[in-house]
Amino acid sequence: MPNTKSAIKRERKIKVRTAHNKAKRSELKTVIRRYKEALAANSSNKEELLKLAIKKLDKAASKNLIHKNKASRKKSQLMKALNAAQAANN
């Protein structure tokens, strides 16, 4: 239990930030999942979903929600999946 007034406020702030970060991480995972589903279904909007996923990954990395190397790795994996799907279709 926090004893000081500042520690109590700090605990409140941590709860708010944790909820915000959790929501943003969940949103990021959802965007990536939707892209993978579109890729599997060979949907016509897969390139748009890829752009959105990359945008969300960059934003998350810039806000220190995820590490910049993780964002780079995820972007690479998503692009690699798109290239493999396009090669399979041709």
C-alpha atoms as a PDB file:
ATOM      1  CA  MET A   1       0.000   0.000   0.000  1.00  0.00           C
ATOM      2  CA  PRO A   2       1.300   3.440  -0.853  1.00  0.00           C
ATOM      3  CA  ASN A   3       1.897   5.653   2.149  1.00  0.00           C
ATOM      4  CA  THR A   4       2.457   9.088   0.675  1.00  0.00           C
ATOM      5  CA  LYS A   5       0.167  11.275  -1.344  1.00  0.00           C
ATOM      6  CA  SER A   6       2.558  11.231  -4.288  1.00  0.00           C
ATOM      7  CA  ALA A   7       2.777   7.421  -4.211  1.00  0.00           C
ATOM      8  CA  ILE A   8      -1.025   7.195  -4.299  1.00  0.00           C
ATOM      9  CA  LYS A   9      -1.150   9.505  -7.317  1.00  0.00           C
ATOM     10  CA  ARG A  10       1.658   7.548  -8.972  1.00  0.00           C
ATOM     11  CA  GLU A  11      -0.337   4.330  -8.546  1.00  0.00           C
ATOM     12  CA  ARG A  12      -3.389   5.960 -10.166  1.00  0.00           C
ATOM     13  CA  LYS A  13      -1.301   7.167 -13.104  1.00  0.00           C
ATOM     14  CA  ILE A  14       0.255   3.734 -13.592  1.00  0.00           C
ATOM     15  CA  LYS A  15      -3.203   2.127 -13.778  1.00  0.00           C
ATOM     16  CA  VAL A  16      -4.330   4.606 -16.438  1.00  0.00           C
ATOM     17  CA  ARG A  17      -1.153   4.203 -18.508  1.00  0.00           C
ATOM     18  CA  THR A  18      -1.276   0.410 -18.235  1.00  0.00           C
ATOM     19  CA  ALA A  19      -4.857   0.365 -19.511  1.00  0.00           C
ATOM     20  CA  HIS A  20      -3.955   2.693 -22.379  1.00  0.00           C
ATOM     21  CA  ASN A  21      -0.885   0.656 -23.379  1.00  0.00           C
ATOM     22  CA  LYS A  22      -2.828  -2.597 -23.179  1.00  0.00           C
ATOM     23  CA  ALA A  23      -5.519  -1.202 -25.486  1.00  0.00           C
ATOM     24  CA  LYS A  24      -2.948   0.026 -27.999  1.00  0.00           C
ATOM     25  CA  ARG A  25      -1.102  -3.311 -27.999  1.00  0.00           C
ATOM     26  CA  SER A  26      -4.385  -5.114 -28.526  1.00  0.00           C
ATOM     27  CA  GLU A  27      -5.247  -2.794 -31.418  1.00  0.00           C
ATOM     28  CA  LEU A  28      -1.851  -3.487 -32.986  1.00  0.00           C
ATOM     29  CA  LYS A  29      -2.347  -7.257 -32.720  1.00  0.00           C
ATOM     30  CA  THR A  30      -5.813  -6.955 -34.260  1.00  0.00           C
ATOM     31  CA  VAL A  31      -4.491  -5.011 -37.258  1.00  0.00           C
ATOM     32  CA  ILE A  32      -1.777  -7.620 -37.835  1.00  0.00           C
ATOM     33  CA  ARG A  33      -4.293 -10.472 -37.489  1.00  0.00           C
ATOM     34  CA  ARG A  34      -6.657  -8.856 -40.002  1.00  0.00           C
ATOM     35  CA  TYR A  35      -3.773  -8.486 -42.464  1.00  0.00           C
ATOM     36  CA  LYS A  36      -2.808 -12.153 -42.070  1.00  0.00           C
ATOM     37  CA  GLU A  37      -6.424 -13.222 -42.577  1.00  0.00           C
ATOM     38  CA  ALA A  38      -6.690 -11.102 -45.728  1.00  0.00           C
ATOM     39  CA  LEU A  39      -3.436 -12.593 -46.976  1.00  0.00           C
ATOM     40  CA  ALA A  40      -4.670 -16.137 -46.379  1.00  0.00           C
ATOM     41  CA  ALA A  41      -7.955 -15.376 -48.164  1.00  0.00           C
ATOM     42  CA  ASN A  42      -6.084 -13.636 -51.014  1.00  0.00           C
ATOM     43  CA  SER A  43      -8.207 -10.542 -50.444  1.00  0.00           C
ATOM     44  CA  SER A  44      -7.857  -7.522 -52.714  1.00  0.00           C
ATOM     45  CA  ASN A  45      -7.185  -5.095 -49.845  1.00  0.00           C
ATOM     46  CA  LYS A  46      -4.153  -6.905 -48.413  1.00  0.00           C
ATOM     47  CA  GLU A  47      -1.745  -4.150 -49.528  1.00  0.00           C
ATOM     48  CA  GLU A  48      -3.844  -1.500 -47.765  1.00  0.00           C
ATOM     49  CA  LEU A  49      -3.939  -3.607 -44.612  1.00  0.00           C
ATOM     50  CA  LEU A  50      -0.160  -4.045 -44.829  1.00  0.00           C
ATOM     51  CA  LYS A  51       0.318  -0.274 -45.016  1.00  0.00           C
ATOM     52  CA  LEU A  52      -1.952   0.154 -41.993  1.00  0.00           C
ATOM     53  CA  ALA A  53      -0.076  -2.527 -40.039  1.00  0.00           C
ATOM     54  CA  ILE A  54       3.284  -0.927 -40.833  1.00  0.00           C
ATOM     55  CA  LYS A  55       1.960   2.477 -39.816  1.00  0.00           C
ATOM     56  CA  LYS A  56       0.687   1.090 -36.494  1.00  0.00           C
ATOM     57  CA  LEU A  57       3.988  -0.723 -35.850  1.00  0.00           C
ATOM     58  CA  ASP A  58       6.002   2.447 -36.493  1.00  0.00           C
ATOM     59  CA  LYS A  59       3.718   4.459 -34.244  1.00  0.00           C
ATOM     60  CA  ALA A  60       3.965   1.872 -31.451  1.00  0.00           C
ATOM     61  CA  ALA A  61       7.764   1.848 -31.724  1.00  0.00           C
ATOM     62  CA  SER A  62       7.968   5.639 -31.649  1.00  0.00           C
ATOM     63  CA  LYS A  63       5.823   5.723 -28.500  1.00  0.00           C
ATOM     64  CA  ASN A  64       7.986   3.012 -26.865  1.00  0.00           C
ATOM     65  CA  LEU A  65       5.020   0.675 -26.731  1.00  0.00           C
ATOM     66  CA  ILE A  66       7.179  -1.981 -28.408  1.00  0.00           C
ATOM     67  CA  HIS A  67      10.905  -2.031 -29.086  1.00  0.00           C
ATOM     68  CA  LYS A  68      12.041  -0.547 -32.388  1.00  0.00           C
ATOM     69  CA  ASN A  69      13.779  -3.806 -33.366  1.00  0.00           C
ATOM     70  CA  LYS A  70      10.581  -5.749 -32.740  1.00  0.00           C
ATOM     71  CA  ALA A  71       8.689  -3.352 -34.995  1.00  0.00           C
ATOM     72  CA  SER A  72      11.332  -3.744 -37.683  1.00  0.00           C
ATOM     73  CA  ARG A  73      11.239  -7.534 -37.361  1.00  0.00           C
ATOM     74  CA  LYS A  74       7.432  -7.624 -37.586  1.00  0.00           C
ATOM     75  CA  LYS A  75       7.418  -5.382 -40.658  1.00  0.00           C
ATOM     76  CA  SER A  76       9.965  -7.648 -42.309  1.00  0.00           C
ATOM     77  CA  GLN A  77       7.879 -10.748 -41.527  1.00  0.00           C
ATOM     78  CA  LEU A  78       4.723  -9.143 -42.918  1.00  0.00           C
ATOM     79  CA  MET A  79       6.470  -8.089 -46.131  1.00  0.00           C
ATOM     80  CA  LYS A  80       8.035 -11.519 -46.505  1.00  0.00           C
ATOM     81  CA  ALA A  81       4.590 -13.133 -46.164  1.00  0.00           C
ATOM     82  CA  LEU A  82       3.157 -10.817 -48.823  1.00  0.00           C
ATOM     83  CA  ASN A  83       6.010 -11.561 -51.228  1.00  0.00           C
ATOM     84  CA  ALA A  84       5.622 -15.307 -50.684  1.00  0.00           C
ATOM     85  CA  ALA A  85       1.863 -15.111 -51.293  1.00  0.00           C
ATOM     86  CA  GLN A  86       2.358 -13.107 -54.481  1.00  0.00           C
ATOM     87  CA  ALA A  87       4.992 -15.564 -55.731  1.00  0.00           C
ATOM     88  CA  ALA A  88       2.623 -18.472 -55.042  1.00  0.00           C
ATOM     89  CA  ASN A  89      -0.171 -16.780 -57.011  1.00  0.00           C
ATOM     90  CA  ASN A  90       1.976 -16.157 -60.084  1.00  0.00           C
END
